[in-house]
All heavy atoms as atom14 arrays in JSON, in Angstrom:
{
  "sequence": "NPDLENLLRKQNEFYLKTTKKIEKISEEFKHKPADINIFLKGTSFAA",
  "atom14_mask": [
    [1, 1, 1, 1, 1, 1, 1, 1, 0, 0, 0, 0, 0, 0],
    [1, 1, 1, 1, 1, 1, 1, 0, 0, 0, 0, 0, 0, 0],
    [1, 1, 1, 1, 1, 1, 1, 1, 0, 0, 0, 0, 0, 0],
    [1, 1, 1, 1, 1, 1, 1, 1, 0, 0, 0, 0, 0, 0],
    [1, 1, 1, 1, 1, 1, 1, 1, 1, 0, 0, 0, 0, 0],
    [1, 1, 1, 1, 1, 1, 1, 1, 0, 0, 0, 0, 0, 0],
    [1, 1, 1, 1, 1, 1, 1, 1, 0, 0, 0, 0, 0, 0],
    [1, 1, 1, 1, 1, 1, 1, 1, 0, 0, 0, 0, 0, 0],
    [1, 1, 1, 1, 1, 1, 1, 1, 1, 1, 1, 0, 0, 0],
    [1, 1, 1, 1, 1, 1, 1, 1, 1, 0, 0, 0, 0, 0],
    [1, 1, 1, 1, 1, 1, 1, 1, 1, 0, 0, 0, 0, 0],
    [1, 1, 1, 1, 1, 1, 1, 1, 0, 0, 0, 0, 0, 0],
    [1, 1, 1, 1, 1, 1, 1, 1, 1, 0, 0, 0, 0, 0],
    [1, 1, 1, 1, 1, 1, 1, 1, 1, 1, 1, 0, 0, 0],
    [1, 1, 1, 1, 1, 1, 1, 1, 1, 1, 1, 1, 0, 0],
    [1, 1, 1, 1, 1, 1, 1, 1, 0, 0, 0, 0, 0, 0],
    [1, 1, 1, 1, 1, 1, 1, 1, 1, 0, 0, 0, 0, 0],
    [1, 1, 1, 1, 1, 1, 1, 0, 0, 0, 0, 0, 0, 0],
    [1, 1, 1, 1, 1, 1, 1, 0, 0, 0, 0, 0, 0, 0],
    [1, 1, 1, 1, 1, 1, 1, 1, 1, 0, 0, 0, 0, 0],
    [1, 1, 1, 1, 1, 1, 1, 1, 1, 0, 0, 0, 0, 0],
    [1, 1, 1, 1, 1, 1, 1, 1, 0, 0, 0, 0, 0, 0],
    [1, 1, 1, 1, 1, 1, 1, 1, 1, 0, 0, 0, 0, 0],
    [1, 1, 1, 1, 1, 1, 1, 1, 1, 0, 0, 0, 0, 0],
    [1, 1, 1, 1, 1, 1, 1, 1, 0, 0, 0, 0, 0, 0],
    [1, 1, 1, 1, 1, 1, 0, 0, 0, 0, 0, 0, 0, 0],
    [1, 1, 1, 1, 1, 1, 1, 1, 1, 0, 0, 0, 0, 0],
    [1, 1, 1, 1, 1, 1, 1, 1, 1, 0, 0, 0, 0, 0],
    [1, 1, 1, 1, 1, 1, 1, 1, 1, 1, 1, 0, 0, 0],
    [1, 1, 1, 1, 1, 1, 1, 1, 1, 0, 0, 0, 0, 0],
    [1, 1, 1, 1, 1, 1, 1, 1, 1, 1, 0, 0, 0, 0],
    [1, 1, 1, 1, 1, 1, 1, 1, 1, 0, 0, 0, 0, 0],
    [1, 1, 1, 1, 1, 1, 1, 0, 0, 0, 0, 0, 0, 0],
    [1, 1, 1, 1, 1, 0, 0, 0, 0, 0, 0, 0, 0, 0],
    [1, 1, 1, 1, 1, 1, 1, 1, 0, 0, 0, 0, 0, 0],
    [1, 1, 1, 1, 1, 1, 1, 1, 0, 0, 0, 0, 0, 0],
    [1, 1, 1, 1, 1, 1, 1, 1, 0, 0, 0, 0, 0, 0],
    [1, 1, 1, 1, 1, 1, 1, 1, 0, 0, 0, 0, 0, 0],
    [1, 1, 1, 1, 1, 1, 1, 1, 1, 1, 1, 0, 0, 0],
    [1, 1, 1, 1, 1, 1, 1, 1, 0, 0, 0, 0, 0, 0],
    [1, 1, 1, 1, 1, 1, 1, 1, 1, 0, 0, 0, 0, 0],
    [1, 1, 1, 1, 0, 0, 0, 0, 0, 0, 0, 0, 0, 0],
    [1, 1, 1, 1, 1, 1, 1, 0, 0, 0, 0, 0, 0, 0],
    [1, 1, 1, 1, 1, 1, 0, 0, 0, 0, 0, 0, 0, 0],
    [1, 1, 1, 1, 1, 1, 1, 1, 1, 1, 1, 0, 0, 0],
    [1, 1, 1, 1, 1, 0, 0, 0, 0, 0, 0, 0, 0, 0],
    [1, 1, 1, 1, 1, 0, 0, 0, 0, 0, 0, 0, 0, 0]
  ],
  "atom14_positions": [
    [[-8.66, 25.37, 20.42], [-9.15, 24.94, 21.73], [-8.68, 23.5, 21.99], [-9.08, 22.58, 21.29], [-10.69, 25.01, 21.74], [-11.28, 24.63, 23.07], [-10.91, 23.62, 23.66], [-12.24, 25.41, 23.53], [0.0, 0.0, 0.0], [0.0, 0.0, 0.0], [0.0, 0.0, 0.0], [0.0, 0.0, 0.0], [0.0, 0.0, 0.0], [0.0, 0.0, 0.0]],
    [[-7.83, 23.29, 23.01], [-7.28, 21.95, 23.25], [-8.36, 20.91, 23.6], [-8.21, 19.74, 23.25], [-6.29, 22.14, 24.39], [-6.52, 23.5, 24.93], [-7.29, 24.29, 23.92], [0.0, 0.0, 0.0], [0.0, 0.0, 0.0], [0.0, 0.0, 0.0], [0.0, 0.0, 0.0], [0.0, 0.0, 0.0], [0.0, 0.0, 0.0], [0.0, 0.0, 0.0]],
    [[-9.42, 21.33, 24.26], [-10.49, 20.38, 24.61], [-11.22, 19.9, 23.34], [-11.54, 18.72, 23.22], [-11.49, 21.01, 25.58], [-10.88, 21.3, 26.94], [-9.93, 20.57, 27.33], [-11.33, 22.24, 27.6], [0.0, 0.0, 0.0], [0.0, 0.0, 0.0], [0.0, 0.0, 0.0], [0.0, 0.0, 0.0], [0.0, 0.0, 0.0], [0.0, 0.0, 0.0]],
    [[-11.46, 20.81, 22.42], [-12.1, 20.43, 21.16], [-11.16, 19.54, 20.36], [-11.59, 18.54, 19.77], [-12.5, 21.67, 20.35], [-13.18, 21.41, 19.01], [-14.43, 20.55, 19.17], [-13.53, 22.74, 18.33], [0.0, 0.0, 0.0], [0.0, 0.0, 0.0], [0.0, 0.0, 0.0], [0.0, 0.0, 0.0], [0.0, 0.0, 0.0], [0.0, 0.0, 0.0]],
    [[-9.9, 19.87, 20.35], [-8.93, 19.05, 19.62], [-8.89, 17.63, 20.2], [-8.88, 16.64, 19.45], [-7.54, 19.68, 19.69], [-6.5, 18.88, 18.91], [-5.1, 19.49, 18.96], [-4.95, 20.65, 19.38], [-4.17, 18.76, 18.58], [0.0, 0.0, 0.0], [0.0, 0.0, 0.0], [0.0, 0.0, 0.0], [0.0, 0.0, 0.0], [0.0, 0.0, 0.0]],
    [[-8.88, 17.51, 21.52], [-8.88, 16.18, 22.16], [-10.14, 15.39, 21.81], [-10.06, 14.19, 21.55], [-8.73, 16.3, 23.68], [-7.35, 16.72, 24.09], [-6.38, 16.52, 23.36], [-7.24, 17.33, 25.25], [0.0, 0.0, 0.0], [0.0, 0.0, 0.0], [0.0, 0.0, 0.0], [0.0, 0.0, 0.0], [0.0, 0.0, 0.0], [0.0, 0.0, 0.0]],
    [[-11.27, 16.07, 21.81], [-12.52, 15.41, 21.45], [-12.45, 14.87, 20.01], [-12.83, 13.74, 19.74], [-13.71, 16.37, 21.6], [-15.07, 15.83, 21.14], [-15.49, 14.61, 21.97], [-16.12, 16.92, 21.22], [0.0, 0.0, 0.0], [0.0, 0.0, 0.0], [0.0, 0.0, 0.0], [0.0, 0.0, 0.0], [0.0, 0.0, 0.0], [0.0, 0.0, 0.0]],
    [[-11.94, 15.69, 19.11], [-11.84, 15.27, 17.71], [-10.87, 14.11, 17.54], [-11.09, 13.22, 16.73], [-11.44, 16.43, 16.82], [-12.52, 17.46, 16.58], [-12.06, 18.5, 15.57], [-13.8, 16.82, 16.11], [0.0, 0.0, 0.0], [0.0, 0.0, 0.0], [0.0, 0.0, 0.0], [0.0, 0.0, 0.0], [0.0, 0.0, 0.0], [0.0, 0.0, 0.0]],
    [[-9.81, 14.12, 18.3], [-8.85, 13.0, 18.23], [-9.51, 11.7, 18.69], [-9.31, 10.64, 18.08], [-7.6, 13.29, 19.03], [-6.76, 14.4, 18.38], [-5.35, 14.48, 18.9], [-4.67, 15.65, 18.37], [-4.19, 15.74, 17.14], [-4.31, 14.73, 16.31], [-3.58, 16.85, 16.73], [0.0, 0.0, 0.0], [0.0, 0.0, 0.0], [0.0, 0.0, 0.0]],
    [[-10.34, 11.77, 19.72], [-11.08, 10.58, 20.19], [-12.09, 10.14, 19.13], [-12.25, 8.95, 18.88], [-11.8, 10.88, 21.51], [-10.88, 10.98, 22.69], [-11.64, 11.32, 23.95], [-10.69, 11.62, 25.08], [-11.35, 12.18, 26.25], [0.0, 0.0, 0.0], [0.0, 0.0, 0.0], [0.0, 0.0, 0.0], [0.0, 0.0, 0.0], [0.0, 0.0, 0.0]],
    [[-12.78, 11.1, 18.53], [-13.73, 10.77, 17.47], [-13.01, 10.09, 16.31], [-13.47, 9.07, 15.79], [-14.45, 12.02, 16.96], [-15.45, 12.58, 17.93], [-16.11, 13.85, 17.39], [-15.77, 14.35, 16.32], [-17.06, 14.37, 18.13], [0.0, 0.0, 0.0], [0.0, 0.0, 0.0], [0.0, 0.0, 0.0], [0.0, 0.0, 0.0], [0.0, 0.0, 0.0]],
    [[-11.89, 10.66, 15.92], [-11.16, 10.11, 14.79], [-10.66, 8.7, 15.1], [-10.64, 7.83, 14.23], [-10.0, 11.02, 14.39], [-9.6, 10.82, 12.96], [-10.4, 10.42, 12.11], [-8.36, 11.09, 12.66], [0.0, 0.0, 0.0], [0.0, 0.0, 0.0], [0.0, 0.0, 0.0], [0.0, 0.0, 0.0], [0.0, 0.0, 0.0], [0.0, 0.0, 0.0]],
    [[-10.29, 8.46, 16.34], [-9.87, 7.13, 16.76], [-11.02, 6.13, 16.54], [-10.81, 5.02, 16.04], [-9.44, 7.16, 18.22], [-8.79, 5.89, 18.7], [-8.3, 6.04, 20.14], [-7.59, 7.02, 20.43], [-8.65, 5.17, 20.96], [0.0, 0.0, 0.0], [0.0, 0.0, 0.0], [0.0, 0.0, 0.0], [0.0, 0.0, 0.0], [0.0, 0.0, 0.0]],
    [[-12.23, 6.55, 16.92], [-13.4, 5.69, 16.69], [-13.57, 5.41, 15.19], [-13.77, 4.27, 14.78], [-14.68, 6.36, 17.24], [-15.93, 5.68, 16.73], [-16.39, 4.52, 17.33], [-16.63, 6.21, 15.65], [-17.53, 3.88, 16.85], [-17.77, 5.57, 15.17], [-18.22, 4.41, 15.77], [0.0, 0.0, 0.0], [0.0, 0.0, 0.0], [0.0, 0.0, 0.0]],
    [[-13.47, 6.46, 14.37], [-13.66, 6.29, 12.93], [-12.6, 5.37, 12.33], [-12.91, 4.53, 11.48], [-13.66, 7.64, 12.21], [-14.88, 8.48, 12.51], [-14.75, 9.79, 12.94], [-16.16, 7.97, 12.36], [-15.86, 10.58, 13.2], [-17.28, 8.75, 12.63], [-17.13, 10.06, 13.05], [-18.22, 10.82, 13.31], [0.0, 0.0, 0.0], [0.0, 0.0, 0.0]],
    [[-11.36, 5.52, 12.75], [-10.29, 4.68, 12.2], [-10.46, 3.22, 12.62], [-10.27, 2.31, 11.8], [-8.93, 5.22, 12.64], [-8.57, 6.61, 12.07], [-7.28, 7.14, 12.71], [-8.45, 6.58, 10.55], [0.0, 0.0, 0.0], [0.0, 0.0, 0.0], [0.0, 0.0, 0.0], [0.0, 0.0, 0.0], [0.0, 0.0, 0.0], [0.0, 0.0, 0.0]],
    [[-10.84, 2.98, 13.87], [-11.1, 1.61, 14.33], [-12.28, 1.01, 13.59], [-12.26, -0.17, 13.2], [-11.36, 1.58, 15.84], [-10.13, 1.75, 16.68], [-10.47, 1.72, 18.16], [-9.23, 1.93, 19.01], [-9.55, 1.97, 20.44], [0.0, 0.0, 0.0], [0.0, 0.0, 0.0], [0.0, 0.0, 0.0], [0.0, 0.0, 0.0], [0.0, 0.0, 0.0]],
    [[-13.31, 1.81, 13.37], [-14.5, 1.33, 12.68], [-14.19, 1.02, 11.22], [-14.7, 0.05, 10.66], [-15.65, 2.34, 12.82], [-15.9, 2.56, 14.22], [-16.92, 1.83, 12.17], [0.0, 0.0, 0.0], [0.0, 0.0, 0.0], [0.0, 0.0, 0.0], [0.0, 0.0, 0.0], [0.0, 0.0, 0.0], [0.0, 0.0, 0.0], [0.0, 0.0, 0.0]],
    [[-13.32, 1.82, 10.61], [-12.88, 1.55, 9.25], [-12.28, 0.15, 9.16], [-12.63, -0.64, 8.27], [-11.85, 2.6, 8.79], [-12.47, 3.88, 8.78], [-11.3, 2.29, 7.42], [0.0, 0.0, 0.0], [0.0, 0.0, 0.0], [0.0, 0.0, 0.0], [0.0, 0.0, 0.0], [0.0, 0.0, 0.0], [0.0, 0.0, 0.0], [0.0, 0.0, 0.0]],
    [[-11.42, -0.18, 10.1], [-10.77, -1.51, 10.12], [-11.81, -2.61, 10.33], [-11.73, -3.68, 9.7], [-9.71, -1.57, 11.21], [-8.55, -0.63, 11.0], [-7.72, -1.02, 9.81], [-6.55, -0.1, 9.64], [-6.05, -0.07, 8.28], [0.0, 0.0, 0.0], [0.0, 0.0, 0.0], [0.0, 0.0, 0.0], [0.0, 0.0, 0.0], [0.0, 0.0, 0.0]],
    [[-12.77, -2.37, 11.21], [-13.81, -3.38, 11.46], [-14.64, -3.63, 10.2], [-14.97, -4.77, 9.88], [-14.72, -2.93, 12.61], [-14.07, -2.96, 13.96], [-15.02, -2.45, 15.03], [-14.36, -2.37, 16.38], [-15.25, -1.79, 17.41], [0.0, 0.0, 0.0], [0.0, 0.0, 0.0], [0.0, 0.0, 0.0], [0.0, 0.0, 0.0], [0.0, 0.0, 0.0]],
    [[-14.98, -2.55, 9.49], [-15.77, -2.71, 8.26], [-14.96, -3.47, 7.21], [-15.49, -4.33, 6.51], [-16.23, -1.34, 7.73], [-17.23, -0.71, 8.69], [-16.86, -1.47, 6.33], [-17.54, 0.76, 8.42], [0.0, 0.0, 0.0], [0.0, 0.0, 0.0], [0.0, 0.0, 0.0], [0.0, 0.0, 0.0], [0.0, 0.0, 0.0], [0.0, 0.0, 0.0]],
    [[-13.68, -3.16, 7.12], [-12.82, -3.89, 6.17], [-12.79, -5.38, 6.52], [-12.86, -6.23, 5.63], [-11.41, -3.3, 6.17], [-11.35, -1.93, 5.52], [-10.02, -1.21, 5.74], [-9.19, -1.66, 6.56], [-9.81, -0.18, 5.06], [0.0, 0.0, 0.0], [0.0, 0.0, 0.0], [0.0, 0.0, 0.0], [0.0, 0.0, 0.0], [0.0, 0.0, 0.0]],
    [[-12.72, -5.69, 7.79], [-12.68, -7.09, 8.23], [-14.0, -7.8, 7.92], [-14.01, -8.92, 7.41], [-12.35, -7.17, 9.72], [-12.16, -8.57, 10.22], [-11.68, -8.59, 11.66], [-11.56, -10.04, 12.07], [-10.67, -10.3, 13.11], [0.0, 0.0, 0.0], [0.0, 0.0, 0.0], [0.0, 0.0, 0.0], [0.0, 0.0, 0.0], [0.0, 0.0, 0.0]],
    [[-15.11, -7.15, 8.23], [-16.42, -7.74, 7.92], [-16.57, -7.93, 6.42], [-17.06, -8.96, 5.95], [-17.56, -6.86, 8.49], [-17.55, -6.85, 10.01], [-18.92, -7.34, 7.97], [-18.45, -5.8, 10.64], [0.0, 0.0, 0.0], [0.0, 0.0, 0.0], [0.0, 0.0, 0.0], [0.0, 0.0, 0.0], [0.0, 0.0, 0.0], [0.0, 0.0, 0.0]],
    [[-16.12, -6.94, 5.66], [-16.23, -7.01, 4.19], [-15.44, -8.2, 3.64], [-15.88, -8.84, 2.67], [-15.73, -5.71, 3.56], [-16.58, -4.65, 3.9], [0.0, 0.0, 0.0], [0.0, 0.0, 0.0], [0.0, 0.0, 0.0], [0.0, 0.0, 0.0], [0.0, 0.0, 0.0], [0.0, 0.0, 0.0], [0.0, 0.0, 0.0], [0.0, 0.0, 0.0]],
    [[-14.3, -8.5, 4.25], [-13.49, -9.65, 3.82], [-14.28, -10.95, 3.91], [-14.12, -11.84, 3.08], [-12.22, -9.75, 4.66], [-11.16, -8.75, 4.3], [-9.94, -8.83, 5.23], [-9.79, -9.83, 5.97], [-9.15, -7.87, 5.21], [0.0, 0.0, 0.0], [0.0, 0.0, 0.0], [0.0, 0.0, 0.0], [0.0, 0.0, 0.0], [0.0, 0.0, 0.0]],
    [[-15.14, -11.05, 4.94], [-15.96, -12.25, 5.11], [-16.86, -12.46, 3.89], [-17.24, -13.59, 3.59], [-16.8, -12.14, 6.37], [-16.0, -12.11, 7.65], [-16.84, -11.78, 8.87], [-18.08, -11.97, 8.83], [-16.25, -11.33, 9.88], [0.0, 0.0, 0.0], [0.0, 0.0, 0.0], [0.0, 0.0, 0.0], [0.0, 0.0, 0.0], [0.0, 0.0, 0.0]],
    [[-17.21, -11.38, 3.22], [-18.07, -11.44, 2.04], [-17.26, -11.36, 0.74], [-17.82, -11.22, -0.33], [-19.11, -10.31, 2.08], [-20.08, -10.44, 3.21], [-19.87, -9.78, 4.41], [-21.19, -11.25, 3.08], [-20.74, -9.91, 5.46], [-22.08, -11.39, 4.13], [-21.86, -10.73, 5.33], [0.0, 0.0, 0.0], [0.0, 0.0, 0.0], [0.0, 0.0, 0.0]],
    [[-15.93, -11.42, 0.89], [-15.03, -11.28, -0.26], [-15.37, -10.01, -1.05], [-15.49, -10.01, -2.26], [-15.08, -12.52, -1.15], [-14.6, -13.76, -0.43], [-14.63, -14.98, -1.28], [-14.16, -16.24, -0.63], [-14.01, -16.37, 0.76], [0.0, 0.0, 0.0], [0.0, 0.0, 0.0], [0.0, 0.0, 0.0], [0.0, 0.0, 0.0], [0.0, 0.0, 0.0]],
    [[-15.51, -8.94, -0.28], [-15.93, -7.64, -0.81], [-14.95, -6.58, -0.36], [-14.53, -6.56, 0.8], [-17.34, -7.32, -0.31], [-17.83, -5.96, -0.68], [-18.21, -5.64, -1.96], [-18.02, -4.84, 0.07], [-18.6, -4.37, -1.98], [-18.49, -3.87, -0.77], [0.0, 0.0, 0.0], [0.0, 0.0, 0.0], [0.0, 0.0, 0.0], [0.0, 0.0, 0.0]],
    [[-14.6, -5.7, -1.26], [-13.76, -4.54, -0.91], [-14.7, -3.33, -0.85], [-15.31, -2.97, -1.85], [-12.68, -4.32, -1.96], [-11.77, -3.15, -1.63], [-10.58, -3.12, -2.56], [-9.7, -1.91, -2.41], [-9.47, -1.37, -1.12], [0.0, 0.0, 0.0], [0.0, 0.0, 0.0], [0.0, 0.0, 0.0], [0.0, 0.0, 0.0], [0.0, 0.0, 0.0]],
    [[-14.83, -2.71, 0.33], [-15.79, -1.6, 0.44], [-15.41, -0.4, -0.42], [-14.23, -0.07, -0.56], [-15.76, -1.24, 1.93], [-14.51, -1.83, 2.47], [-14.13, -2.97, 1.58], [0.0, 0.0, 0.0], [0.0, 0.0, 0.0], [0.0, 0.0, 0.0], [0.0, 0.0, 0.0], [0.0, 0.0, 0.0], [0.0, 0.0, 0.0], [0.0, 0.0, 0.0]],
    [[-16.42, 0.2, -1.0], [-16.22, 1.38, -1.85], [-15.87, 2.58, -0.97], [-16.53, 2.84, 0.04], [-17.47, 1.67, -2.67], [0.0, 0.0, 0.0], [0.0, 0.0, 0.0], [0.0, 0.0, 0.0], [0.0, 0.0, 0.0], [0.0, 0.0, 0.0], [0.0, 0.0, 0.0], [0.0, 0.0, 0.0], [0.0, 0.0, 0.0], [0.0, 0.0, 0.0]],
    [[-14.85, 3.3, -1.38], [-14.4, 4.48, -0.64], [-15.1, 5.73, -1.17], [-15.74, 5.69, -2.23], [-12.88, 4.62, -0.78], [-12.24, 5.38, 0.36], [-12.96, 5.96, 1.2], [-11.01, 5.4, 0.42], [0.0, 0.0, 0.0], [0.0, 0.0, 0.0], [0.0, 0.0, 0.0], [0.0, 0.0, 0.0], [0.0, 0.0, 0.0], [0.0, 0.0, 0.0]],
    [[-14.95, 6.84, -0.46], [-15.49, 8.11, -0.94], [-14.78, 8.48, -2.23], [-13.59, 8.22, -2.38], [-15.36, 9.23, 0.12], [-13.93, 9.32, 0.67], [-16.35, 9.05, 1.22], [-13.7, 10.41, 1.68], [0.0, 0.0, 0.0], [0.0, 0.0, 0.0], [0.0, 0.0, 0.0], [0.0, 0.0, 0.0], [0.0, 0.0, 0.0], [0.0, 0.0, 0.0]],
    [[-15.52, 9.09, -3.15], [-14.9, 9.41, -4.43], [-14.01, 10.64, -4.32], [-14.18, 11.48, -3.44], [-15.93, 9.52, -5.56], [-16.79, 10.76, -5.48], [-16.29, 11.86, -5.29], [-18.09, 10.58, -5.64], [0.0, 0.0, 0.0], [0.0, 0.0, 0.0], [0.0, 0.0, 0.0], [0.0, 0.0, 0.0], [0.0, 0.0, 0.0], [0.0, 0.0, 0.0]],
    [[-13.07, 10.72, -5.2], [-12.04, 11.77, -5.16], [-12.65, 13.16, -5.33], [-12.18, 14.12, -4.73], [-10.93, 11.48, -6.21], [-9.7, 12.34, -5.95], [-11.44, 11.64, -7.61], [-8.86, 11.88, -4.83], [0.0, 0.0, 0.0], [0.0, 0.0, 0.0], [0.0, 0.0, 0.0], [0.0, 0.0, 0.0], [0.0, 0.0, 0.0], [0.0, 0.0, 0.0]],
    [[-13.7, 13.27, -6.12], [-14.36, 14.57, -6.33], [-14.96, 15.07, -5.02], [-14.79, 16.23, -4.64], [-15.43, 14.47, -7.42], [-16.17, 15.75, -7.64], [-15.57, 16.82, -8.3], [-17.46, 15.91, -7.16], [-16.24, 18.02, -8.48], [-18.15, 17.11, -7.33], [-17.54, 18.16, -7.99], [0.0, 0.0, 0.0], [0.0, 0.0, 0.0], [0.0, 0.0, 0.0]],
    [[-15.68, 14.19, -4.32], [-16.29, 14.57, -3.04], [-15.2, 14.94, -2.03], [-15.34, 15.92, -1.3], [-17.14, 13.42, -2.5], [-17.8, 13.64, -1.14], [-18.73, 14.85, -1.18], [-18.54, 12.4, -0.71], [0.0, 0.0, 0.0], [0.0, 0.0, 0.0], [0.0, 0.0, 0.0], [0.0, 0.0, 0.0], [0.0, 0.0, 0.0], [0.0, 0.0, 0.0]],
    [[-14.13, 14.19, -2.03], [-13.03, 14.47, -1.13], [-12.45, 15.86, -1.41], [-12.21, 16.65, -0.5], [-11.95, 13.4, -1.33], [-11.24, 12.96, -0.13], [-10.3, 11.81, -0.49], [-9.78, 11.16, 0.74], [-8.91, 10.04, 0.46], [0.0, 0.0, 0.0], [0.0, 0.0, 0.0], [0.0, 0.0, 0.0], [0.0, 0.0, 0.0], [0.0, 0.0, 0.0]],
    [[-12.22, 16.15, -2.67], [-11.64, 17.43, -3.06], [-12.54, 18.61, -2.75], [-12.08, 19.63, -2.21], [0.0, 0.0, 0.0], [0.0, 0.0, 0.0], [0.0, 0.0, 0.0], [0.0, 0.0, 0.0], [0.0, 0.0, 0.0], [0.0, 0.0, 0.0], [0.0, 0.0, 0.0], [0.0, 0.0, 0.0], [0.0, 0.0, 0.0], [0.0, 0.0, 0.0]],
    [[-13.83, 18.49, -3.07], [-14.74, 19.59, -2.8], [-14.94, 19.8, -1.3], [-15.04, 20.93, -0.84], [-16.1, 19.39, -3.5], [-16.67, 18.15, -3.11], [-15.98, 19.45, -5.01], [0.0, 0.0, 0.0], [0.0, 0.0, 0.0], [0.0, 0.0, 0.0], [0.0, 0.0, 0.0], [0.0, 0.0, 0.0], [0.0, 0.0, 0.0], [0.0, 0.0, 0.0]],
    [[-14.97, 18.71, -0.55], [-15.12, 18.83, 0.9], [-13.9, 19.49, 1.51], [-14.02, 20.36, 2.38], [-15.32, 17.45, 1.53], [-16.52, 16.88, 1.09], [0.0, 0.0, 0.0], [0.0, 0.0, 0.0], [0.0, 0.0, 0.0], [0.0, 0.0, 0.0], [0.0, 0.0, 0.0], [0.0, 0.0, 0.0], [0.0, 0.0, 0.0], [0.0, 0.0, 0.0]],
    [[-12.73, 19.08, 1.07], [-11.48, 19.66, 1.57], [-11.46, 21.17, 1.28], [-11.16, 21.97, 2.16], [-10.28, 18.97, 0.91], [-8.96, 19.52, 1.35], [-8.42, 19.17, 2.58], [-8.24, 20.4, 0.54], [-7.2, 19.67, 2.99], [-7.02, 20.91, 0.96], [-6.5, 20.54, 2.18], [0.0, 0.0, 0.0], [0.0, 0.0, 0.0], [0.0, 0.0, 0.0]],
    [[-11.81, 21.54, 0.05], [-11.8, 22.96, -0.33], [-12.81, 23.74, 0.5], [-12.52, 24.84, 0.98], [-12.1, 23.11, -1.82], [0.0, 0.0, 0.0], [0.0, 0.0, 0.0], [0.0, 0.0, 0.0], [0.0, 0.0, 0.0], [0.0, 0.0, 0.0], [0.0, 0.0, 0.0], [0.0, 0.0, 0.0], [0.0, 0.0, 0.0], [0.0, 0.0, 0.0]],
    [[-14.0, 23.2, 0.69], [-15.03, 23.89, 1.46], [-14.59, 24.09, 2.9], [-14.78, 25.17, 3.48], [-16.35, 23.1, 1.41], [0.0, 0.0, 0.0], [0.0, 0.0, 0.0], [0.0, 0.0, 0.0], [0.0, 0.0, 0.0], [0.0, 0.0, 0.0], [0.0, 0.0, 0.0], [0.0, 0.0, 0.0], [0.0, 0.0, 0.0], [0.0, 0.0, 0.0]]
  ]
}
């Protein structure tokens, strides 16, 4: 469904921009944010 695909692309744009914002805020605290673990990523992808 092209409308659903467009909606998801907009959502993903928000998530990617927010990722960058969190990285920038984290830098102010000299902190590298913890990412999702590889196991969770793999099981989610498979599911």
